[in-house]
Amino acid sequence: MILSGLTYICFAAAVGGVQAQSATAVVKSLGVIKAINGSAITLAPDSGPEVTANVQPNARLLRLAPGEKDLKSATPIALQDLQVGDTIRVRGYASQDAKSIATLEVIVITRATVAAVSDQIKQDWQKRGLGGLVESVDATAGTVSISMTGLSGKKTIAIHTAKNTIIRRYAPDSVKFEDAKPSTLADIHSGDQLRARGDRPADATEMTADEIVSGSFRNVAGTVNAADASTGTLSVQDLLSKRTVQVKITSESQLHQLPVEMARMIAARIKGAMPPGMPGAGSGTAPSSAPAGATPPGAGPASGATAGMGGGMRPGGGAPDFQRMLSRMPTVALADLHKGDAVMIVTTQGSAANPGTAITLLSGVEPILQAAPSGSQAMMLTPWSLGGGIPGGDAASQ
């Protein structure tokens, strides 16, 4: 659902948006078919009220392939081939009340075609995408440096942009990719979360991005105070701020359970990184209580802990891809969370009057928060927020 916005944008660029020149002029309306009754189509535009498109007997109906910008490549389609959910642009004469259009032309991208193309884009984000926290931005050079933190430590990746790189930014309180707006490098700041799609050799420290999506999000690590599935709200005692944080859970939110073995291995990694003398600090090697297959911090991934993650390892070896791992972890429901459960959440910023909306929630993180009582070290997991789900397979994600 999240990635269908990409196809929708391509279609909009090809056939244009809502245009109206005068009461008697030809008008165009772009939107999604909500209902079909004979030759009358109820159209839900991208903005504004619904419109009834009355398809005239001599109307021209064409199917446009996603990504195409030339109507010469469109193929004829019959009225009965249209389905609810298809994206169309209609052209014709509007009624005086502007509630209907005597339609002379219908250009369509069918729902099945959109879904197929969206799936291809989703898979490409999963295959060629990476995410992390923004460290610095050089708008003059067209480069963004992001940090990725995993079991093998922290890594800095330089994301290079070109003239044709698509740059988008998430809306302030939305986790939907289709709500992301065109943006520039100047809108990206240190501390933002960023997801890029492009080509880079395995374990390389540079990438030239085809597309970038970024946003400013809030990280919460703490214990559940209360969970209300009926209202979709979660109350969490945040370890960092020492305050109670209210979070909204929606159908777009990704809720996952971290496997016990992986939680313990990450906890061992955190303990090994703590300065000597700190509570829980280790000597740089995995403690004797670590699960079988765990490796010393910084020594690379452990096959025993990642075997069940369904393809999280990068082809040819190297550090595991946590974004892909997250998308393959077991899902949980809000009703499965109880008072005292440890969670790590990435949310939209929200406001005093409007709580943030959860993008990603990870439960089963008790060993991690025990290894990082202040919660700061636990935030090593936050780059996962823009992983397999937003926009790589949602949320989003997604």
Protein backbone atom coordinates (compact mmCIF):
# COMPACT_ATOMS: atom_id res chain seq x y z
CA MET A 1 0.00 0.00 0.00
CA ILE A 2 2.81 2.40 0.88
CA LEU A 3 4.80 1.92 -2.30
CA SER A 4 1.75 2.28 -4.61
CA GLY A 5 2.25 6.01 -4.04
CA LEU A 6 5.33 5.84 -6.29
CA THR A 7 3.29 4.55 -9.21
CA TYR A 8 0.55 7.08 -8.49
CA ILE A 9 3.10 9.90 -8.66
CA CYS A 10 4.43 8.64 -12.00
CA PHE A 11 0.88 8.50 -13.35
CA ALA A 12 0.10 12.00 -12.12
CA ALA A 13 3.19 13.34 -13.84
CA ALA A 14 2.13 11.67 -17.08
CA VAL A 15 -1.48 12.77 -17.33
CA GLY A 16 -1.67 15.88 -15.15
CA GLY A 17 -3.67 16.83 -12.09
CA VAL A 18 -7.00 18.50 -11.52
CA GLN A 19 -7.45 21.37 -13.93
CA ALA A 20 -10.43 23.68 -14.46
CA GLN A 21 -10.32 26.68 -16.79
CA SER A 22 -13.92 27.91 -16.67
CA ALA A 23 -17.47 26.72 -16.15
CA THR A 24 -17.79 25.73 -19.83
CA ALA A 25 -14.24 24.56 -20.48
CA VAL A 26 -12.99 21.00 -20.59
CA VAL A 27 -11.88 19.85 -17.13
CA LYS A 28 -9.66 17.02 -15.96
CA SER A 29 -9.86 15.10 -12.70
CA LEU A 30 -7.39 12.52 -11.39
CA GLY A 31 -8.22 10.01 -8.68
CA VAL A 32 -9.17 6.48 -7.69
CA ILE A 33 -12.39 4.71 -8.68
CA LYS A 34 -14.60 4.32 -5.62
CA ALA A 35 -17.69 2.83 -7.30
CA ILE A 36 -18.99 1.91 -10.77
CA ASN A 37 -22.69 1.92 -11.67
CA GLY A 38 -23.17 1.27 -15.36
CA SER A 39 -21.47 4.15 -17.18
CA ALA A 40 -21.30 6.30 -14.02
CA ILE A 41 -18.01 6.23 -12.13
CA THR A 42 -17.61 7.65 -8.64
CA LEU A 43 -14.15 9.16 -8.55
CA ALA A 44 -12.25 10.05 -5.35
CA PRO A 45 -9.77 12.75 -6.41
CA ASP A 46 -6.41 13.29 -4.74
CA SER A 47 -7.98 16.33 -3.08
CA GLY A 48 -11.49 17.76 -2.89
CA PRO A 49 -14.94 16.10 -2.95
CA GLU A 50 -15.93 13.03 -4.92
CA VAL A 51 -16.94 13.48 -8.56
CA THR A 52 -19.31 11.44 -10.74
CA ALA A 53 -17.79 10.73 -14.14
CA ASN A 54 -20.58 9.93 -16.62
CA VAL A 55 -18.77 8.13 -19.43
CA GLN A 56 -20.24 9.17 -22.79
CA PRO A 57 -20.96 6.55 -25.50
CA ASN A 58 -18.23 7.98 -27.75
CA ALA A 59 -15.66 8.34 -24.95
CA ARG A 60 -12.09 7.15 -25.48
CA LEU A 61 -10.78 4.72 -22.83
CA LEU A 62 -7.05 3.99 -22.67
CA ARG A 63 -4.75 2.00 -20.40
CA LEU A 64 -1.42 3.64 -19.60
CA ALA A 65 1.49 1.53 -18.36
CA PRO A 66 3.00 2.77 -15.06
CA GLY A 67 5.98 5.02 -15.67
CA GLU A 68 4.94 5.86 -19.23
CA LYS A 69 4.57 9.56 -20.01
CA ASP A 70 3.44 9.36 -23.63
CA LEU A 71 -0.18 8.53 -24.44
CA LYS A 72 0.99 7.12 -27.76
CA SER A 73 1.97 3.99 -25.84
CA ALA A 74 -1.48 3.62 -24.25
CA THR A 75 -3.76 0.75 -25.31
CA PRO A 76 -7.59 0.74 -25.68
CA ILE A 77 -9.64 -0.66 -22.79
CA ALA A 78 -13.37 -1.36 -22.40
CA LEU A 79 -15.58 0.27 -19.77
CA GLN A 80 -16.39 -3.12 -18.24
CA ASP A 81 -12.67 -3.72 -17.70
CA LEU A 82 -12.47 -0.91 -15.13
CA GLN A 83 -12.46 -1.92 -11.45
CA VAL A 84 -12.87 -0.23 -8.11
CA GLY A 85 -9.41 0.81 -6.94
CA ASP A 86 -8.07 1.65 -10.40
CA THR A 87 -6.34 5.00 -10.77
CA ILE A 88 -7.85 7.07 -13.59
CA ARG A 89 -7.86 10.52 -15.11
CA VAL A 90 -11.08 11.67 -16.73
CA ARG A 91 -11.54 14.56 -19.14
CA GLY A 92 -14.82 16.14 -20.11
CA TYR A 93 -17.35 18.88 -19.39
CA ALA A 94 -18.26 19.64 -15.78
CA SER A 95 -21.80 20.27 -14.61
CA GLN A 96 -22.71 23.69 -13.26
CA ASP A 97 -22.41 22.44 -9.67
CA ALA A 98 -19.06 20.77 -10.51
CA LYS A 99 -20.30 17.50 -9.01
CA SER A 100 -20.23 15.52 -12.24
CA ILE A 101 -18.31 15.38 -15.51
CA ALA A 102 -19.65 14.36 -18.93
CA THR A 103 -16.59 12.26 -19.63
CA LEU A 104 -15.04 12.16 -23.10
CA GLU A 105 -11.81 10.41 -22.16
CA VAL A 106 -10.68 7.99 -19.45
CA ILE A 107 -7.03 7.09 -18.96
CA VAL A 108 -6.41 4.29 -16.49
CA ILE A 109 -3.74 2.36 -14.68
CA THR A 110 -5.45 -0.79 -13.41
CA ARG A 111 -5.19 -1.82 -9.78
CA ALA A 112 -3.49 -5.11 -10.74
CA THR A 113 -0.85 -3.26 -12.76
CA VAL A 114 -0.22 -0.80 -9.94
CA ALA A 115 0.13 -3.68 -7.47
CA ALA A 116 2.59 -5.51 -9.73
CA VAL A 117 4.77 -2.45 -10.25
CA SER A 118 4.56 -1.52 -6.58
CA ASP A 119 5.76 -4.98 -5.62
CA GLN A 120 8.73 -4.61 -7.96
CA ILE A 121 9.62 -1.27 -6.38
CA LYS A 122 9.20 -2.73 -2.90
CA GLN A 123 11.57 -5.58 -3.70
CA ASP A 124 14.08 -3.13 -5.14
CA TRP A 125 14.00 -1.09 -1.91
CA GLN A 126 14.66 -4.28 0.04
CA LYS A 127 17.45 -5.37 -2.28
CA ARG A 128 19.23 -2.05 -2.86
CA GLY A 129 18.09 0.03 0.09
CA LEU A 130 19.84 0.94 3.32
CA GLY A 131 18.96 3.20 6.22
CA GLY A 132 20.58 5.01 9.10
CA LEU A 133 20.88 8.20 11.11
CA VAL A 134 22.09 11.36 9.36
CA GLU A 135 25.47 12.55 10.64
CA SER A 136 26.12 15.42 8.25
CA VAL A 137 24.86 17.02 5.05
CA ASP A 138 26.97 18.72 2.38
CA ALA A 139 24.42 20.30 0.06
CA THR A 140 27.15 21.82 -2.12
CA ALA A 141 28.73 18.44 -2.80
CA GLY A 142 25.32 16.71 -2.87
CA THR A 143 26.33 14.23 -0.18
CA VAL A 144 24.71 12.97 3.01
CA SER A 145 26.67 10.91 5.55
CA ILE A 146 24.67 8.42 7.60
CA SER A 147 25.65 6.06 10.38
CA MET A 148 24.55 2.44 10.55
CA THR A 149 25.01 0.54 13.80
CA GLY A 150 24.87 -3.22 14.11
CA LEU A 151 26.39 -6.13 15.90
CA SER A 152 29.75 -5.49 14.26
CA GLY A 153 29.82 -1.85 15.32
CA LYS A 154 29.17 1.53 13.76
CA LYS A 155 29.69 2.23 10.08
CA THR A 156 29.50 5.51 8.16
CA ILE A 157 28.10 5.53 4.64
CA ALA A 158 28.39 8.46 2.21
CA ILE A 159 25.20 8.85 0.15
CA HIS A 160 25.88 10.76 -3.08
CA THR A 161 23.10 12.41 -5.06
CA ALA A 162 22.84 13.31 -8.74
CA LYS A 163 20.57 15.57 -10.77
CA ASN A 164 18.09 12.72 -11.26
CA THR A 165 18.04 11.57 -7.61
CA ILE A 166 14.51 11.69 -6.21
CA ILE A 167 14.45 13.28 -2.74
CA ARG A 168 11.34 13.10 -0.54
CA ARG A 169 10.55 13.91 3.08
CA TYR A 170 7.92 12.38 5.33
CA ALA A 171 5.02 14.56 6.45
CA PRO A 172 5.31 15.73 10.10
CA ASP A 173 2.80 13.23 11.50
CA SER A 174 2.41 10.55 8.86
CA VAL A 175 4.07 7.18 8.38
CA LYS A 176 2.70 6.77 4.85
CA PHE A 177 5.16 6.97 2.00
CA GLU A 178 2.52 8.50 -0.30
CA ASP A 179 2.31 11.43 2.11
CA ALA A 180 6.02 12.16 1.63
CA LYS A 181 6.61 15.40 -0.26
CA PRO A 182 9.30 16.37 -2.79
CA SER A 183 12.23 17.80 -0.89
CA THR A 184 15.85 18.89 -1.13
CA LEU A 185 19.10 18.13 0.67
CA ALA A 186 18.69 21.43 2.52
CA ASP A 187 15.69 19.93 4.35
CA ILE A 188 17.78 17.04 5.74
CA HIS A 189 19.43 17.61 9.12
CA SER A 190 21.77 15.80 11.48
CA GLY A 191 19.83 13.29 13.58
CA ASP A 192 17.21 12.65 10.89
CA GLN A 193 16.52 9.11 9.78
CA LEU A 194 17.18 8.43 6.14
CA ARG A 195 16.57 5.60 3.74
CA ALA A 196 18.33 5.49 0.36
CA ARG A 197 18.00 3.22 -2.65
CA GLY A 198 20.85 2.71 -5.09
CA ASP A 199 23.82 0.58 -6.08
CA ARG A 200 26.84 -0.06 -3.90
CA PRO A 201 29.25 -2.98 -3.65
CA ALA A 202 28.92 -5.21 -0.58
CA ASP A 203 30.34 -3.53 2.53
CA ALA A 204 31.30 -0.40 0.55
CA THR A 205 31.17 2.94 2.35
CA GLU A 206 29.62 4.91 -0.51
CA MET A 207 26.41 4.83 -2.52
CA THR A 208 25.00 6.89 -5.39
CA ALA A 209 21.29 7.12 -4.63
CA ASP A 210 18.44 6.81 -7.10
CA GLU A 211 16.03 7.87 -4.37
CA ILE A 212 16.14 9.22 -0.83
CA VAL A 213 13.41 9.55 1.77
CA SER A 214 14.08 11.19 5.13
CA GLY A 215 12.26 12.40 8.19
CA SER A 216 12.61 13.58 11.76
CA PHE A 217 11.42 10.97 14.22
CA ARG A 218 11.39 10.34 17.95
CA ASN A 219 13.04 7.38 19.66
CA VAL A 220 11.49 5.84 22.78
CA ALA A 221 12.99 3.04 24.88
CA GLY A 222 11.22 1.99 28.05
CA THR A 223 8.52 -0.12 29.68
CA VAL A 224 4.82 -0.29 28.98
CA ASN A 225 2.57 1.46 31.50
CA ALA A 226 -0.68 0.63 29.73
CA ALA A 227 -1.91 -0.62 26.36
CA ASP A 228 -5.43 0.08 25.10
CA ALA A 229 -6.23 -1.87 21.95
CA SER A 230 -9.72 -0.34 21.71
CA THR A 231 -8.34 3.19 21.27
CA GLY A 232 -5.03 2.21 19.70
CA THR A 233 -2.95 3.96 22.34
CA LEU A 234 0.15 2.92 24.26
CA SER A 235 1.62 4.54 27.37
CA VAL A 236 5.37 4.02 27.87
CA GLN A 237 7.75 5.10 30.65
CA ASP A 238 10.69 6.44 28.63
CA LEU A 239 14.12 5.64 30.07
CA LEU A 240 15.79 8.62 28.43
CA SER A 241 13.39 11.42 29.39
CA LYS A 242 12.09 9.71 32.57
CA ARG A 243 8.63 10.77 31.42
CA THR A 244 5.46 8.98 30.37
CA VAL A 245 5.07 9.02 26.59
CA GLN A 246 1.77 8.47 24.80
CA VAL A 247 1.99 6.75 21.41
CA LYS A 248 -0.68 6.08 18.79
CA ILE A 249 -0.73 2.65 17.16
CA THR A 250 -2.33 2.48 13.70
CA SER A 251 -2.71 -0.11 10.97
CA GLU A 252 0.44 1.35 9.41
CA SER A 253 2.53 0.79 12.54
CA GLN A 254 4.92 -2.17 12.45
CA LEU A 255 4.97 -4.20 15.66
CA HIS A 256 7.60 -6.94 15.87
CA GLN A 257 8.96 -9.35 18.50
CA LEU A 258 12.73 -9.59 18.77
CA PRO A 259 13.87 -13.24 19.11
CA VAL A 260 15.39 -14.02 22.52
CA GLU A 261 18.71 -15.18 21.07
CA MET A 262 19.20 -11.98 19.10
CA ALA A 263 18.19 -9.78 22.06
CA ARG A 264 20.83 -11.49 24.22
CA MET A 265 23.50 -11.14 21.57
CA ILE A 266 22.77 -7.43 21.13
CA ALA A 267 22.87 -7.02 24.91
CA ALA A 268 26.30 -8.67 24.94
CA ARG A 269 27.40 -6.25 22.24
CA ILE A 270 26.23 -3.26 24.32
CA LYS A 271 27.93 -4.53 27.47
CA GLY A 272 31.18 -4.97 25.60
CA ALA A 273 31.00 -1.37 24.39
CA MET A 274 30.51 0.13 27.86
CA PRO A 275 33.51 1.75 29.58
CA PRO A 276 35.19 -0.43 32.24
CA GLY A 277 33.68 0.03 35.68
CA MET A 278 30.19 0.78 34.39
CA PRO A 279 27.45 -1.53 35.74
CA GLY A 280 27.12 -4.45 33.38
CA ALA A 281 30.28 -3.61 31.47
CA GLY A 282 32.18 -6.53 30.01
CA SER A 283 35.75 -7.11 28.99
CA GLY A 284 34.98 -6.90 25.30
CA THR A 285 34.06 -10.55 24.90
CA ALA A 286 30.71 -12.26 25.13
CA PRO A 287 29.89 -13.36 28.68
CA SER A 288 29.68 -17.05 29.54
CA SER A 289 25.92 -16.75 29.83
CA ALA A 290 25.61 -15.66 26.21
CA PRO A 291 23.59 -18.00 24.01
CA ALA A 292 25.25 -20.63 21.90
CA GLY A 293 26.48 -19.18 18.63
CA ALA A 294 26.99 -15.67 20.00
CA THR A 295 30.26 -14.01 19.03
CA PRO A 296 32.35 -11.43 20.85
CA PRO A 297 31.20 -7.86 20.26
CA GLY A 298 32.61 -6.49 17.02
CA ALA A 299 33.66 -9.93 15.77
CA GLY A 300 30.91 -10.18 13.15
CA PRO A 301 27.52 -11.85 12.97
CA ALA A 302 26.79 -15.12 14.69
CA SER A 303 25.26 -17.76 12.48
CA GLY A 304 23.29 -19.21 15.38
CA ALA A 305 21.51 -15.96 16.10
CA THR A 306 20.77 -15.02 12.53
CA ALA A 307 19.85 -18.36 11.03
CA GLY A 308 16.16 -17.87 11.64
CA MET A 309 15.96 -14.31 10.37
CA GLY A 310 14.98 -15.28 6.85
CA GLY A 311 17.65 -13.74 4.66
CA GLY A 312 19.06 -10.99 6.83
CA MET A 313 22.62 -11.81 5.84
CA ARG A 314 24.09 -9.88 2.92
CA PRO A 315 25.03 -11.88 -0.18
CA GLY A 316 28.66 -12.87 -0.06
CA GLY A 317 28.93 -12.43 3.70
CA GLY A 318 29.50 -9.26 5.68
CA ALA A 319 27.37 -7.58 8.32
CA PRO A 320 23.73 -8.61 8.52
CA ASP A 321 21.09 -6.33 7.02
CA PHE A 322 19.00 -5.42 10.08
CA GLN A 323 16.36 -3.71 7.98
CA ARG A 324 15.56 -6.95 6.19
CA MET A 325 15.83 -8.93 9.42
CA LEU A 326 13.25 -6.71 11.07
CA SER A 327 10.69 -7.23 8.33
CA ARG A 328 10.99 -10.99 8.85
CA MET A 329 10.63 -11.00 12.63
CA PRO A 330 7.37 -12.28 14.19
CA THR A 331 4.64 -9.65 14.40
CA VAL A 332 2.72 -8.80 17.57
CA ALA A 333 -0.52 -6.95 18.25
CA LEU A 334 -1.12 -4.10 20.65
CA ALA A 335 -3.25 -6.46 22.75
CA ASP A 336 -0.16 -8.66 23.21
CA LEU A 337 1.67 -5.92 25.12
CA HIS A 338 1.28 -5.74 28.90
CA LYS A 339 2.37 -3.50 31.74
CA GLY A 340 6.09 -3.88 32.41
CA ASP A 341 6.99 -5.18 28.94
CA ALA A 342 10.15 -3.59 27.54
CA VAL A 343 9.76 -1.92 24.16
CA MET A 344 11.72 0.23 21.75
CA ILE A 345 9.69 2.51 19.50
CA VAL A 346 10.30 4.97 16.68
CA THR A 347 7.44 7.45 16.29
CA THR A 348 6.57 10.58 14.38
CA GLN A 349 7.36 13.76 16.28
CA GLY A 350 3.76 14.50 17.24
CA SER A 351 2.88 17.51 19.41
CA ALA A 352 1.56 18.39 22.86
CA ALA A 353 -2.00 17.98 21.61
CA ASN A 354 -1.34 15.09 19.23
CA PRO A 355 0.76 12.10 20.37
CA GLY A 356 3.27 10.68 17.95
CA THR A 357 2.29 7.74 15.75
CA ALA A 358 4.41 4.59 16.04
CA ILE A 359 6.31 3.66 12.91
CA THR A 360 8.14 0.67 14.37
CA LEU A 361 7.74 -1.01 17.76
CA LEU A 362 10.08 -3.74 18.90
CA SER A 363 9.18 -5.88 21.93
CA GLY A 364 11.22 -8.61 23.57
CA VAL A 365 14.05 -6.16 24.25
CA GLU A 366 14.36 -6.75 28.03
CA PRO A 367 17.99 -8.00 27.79
CA ILE A 368 18.94 -4.91 25.77
CA LEU A 369 17.46 -2.42 28.23
CA GLN A 370 19.00 -4.31 31.14
CA ALA A 371 22.38 -3.95 29.44
CA ALA A 372 21.72 -0.24 28.86
CA PRO A 373 19.87 1.05 31.95
CA SER A 374 19.93 4.67 30.72
CA GLY A 375 18.40 3.70 27.40
CA SER A 376 20.97 5.63 25.36
CA GLN A 377 23.01 2.62 24.27
CA ALA A 378 19.80 0.80 23.39
CA MET A 379 19.15 3.41 20.73
CA MET A 380 21.71 1.62 18.57
CA LEU A 381 18.68 -0.08 17.02
CA THR A 382 16.91 3.06 15.82
CA PRO A 383 18.20 2.93 12.23
CA TRP A 384 15.85 -0.05 11.83
CA SER A 385 12.90 2.34 11.77
CA LEU A 386 13.17 3.05 8.07
CA GLY A 387 14.09 -0.51 7.24
CA GLY A 388 12.07 -3.21 5.55
CA GLY A 389 8.80 -1.43 6.16
CA ILE A 390 9.09 2.26 5.22
CA PRO A 391 9.23 2.28 2.24
CA GLY A 392 10.84 -1.11 1.70
CA GLY A 393 7.94 -3.36 2.67
CA ASP A 394 5.47 -2.04 5.12
CA ALA A 395 5.52 0.73 6.20
CA ALA A 396 6.85 2.61 5.90
CA SER A 397 5.55 0.26 5.50
CA GLN A 398 5.75 0.75 4.16
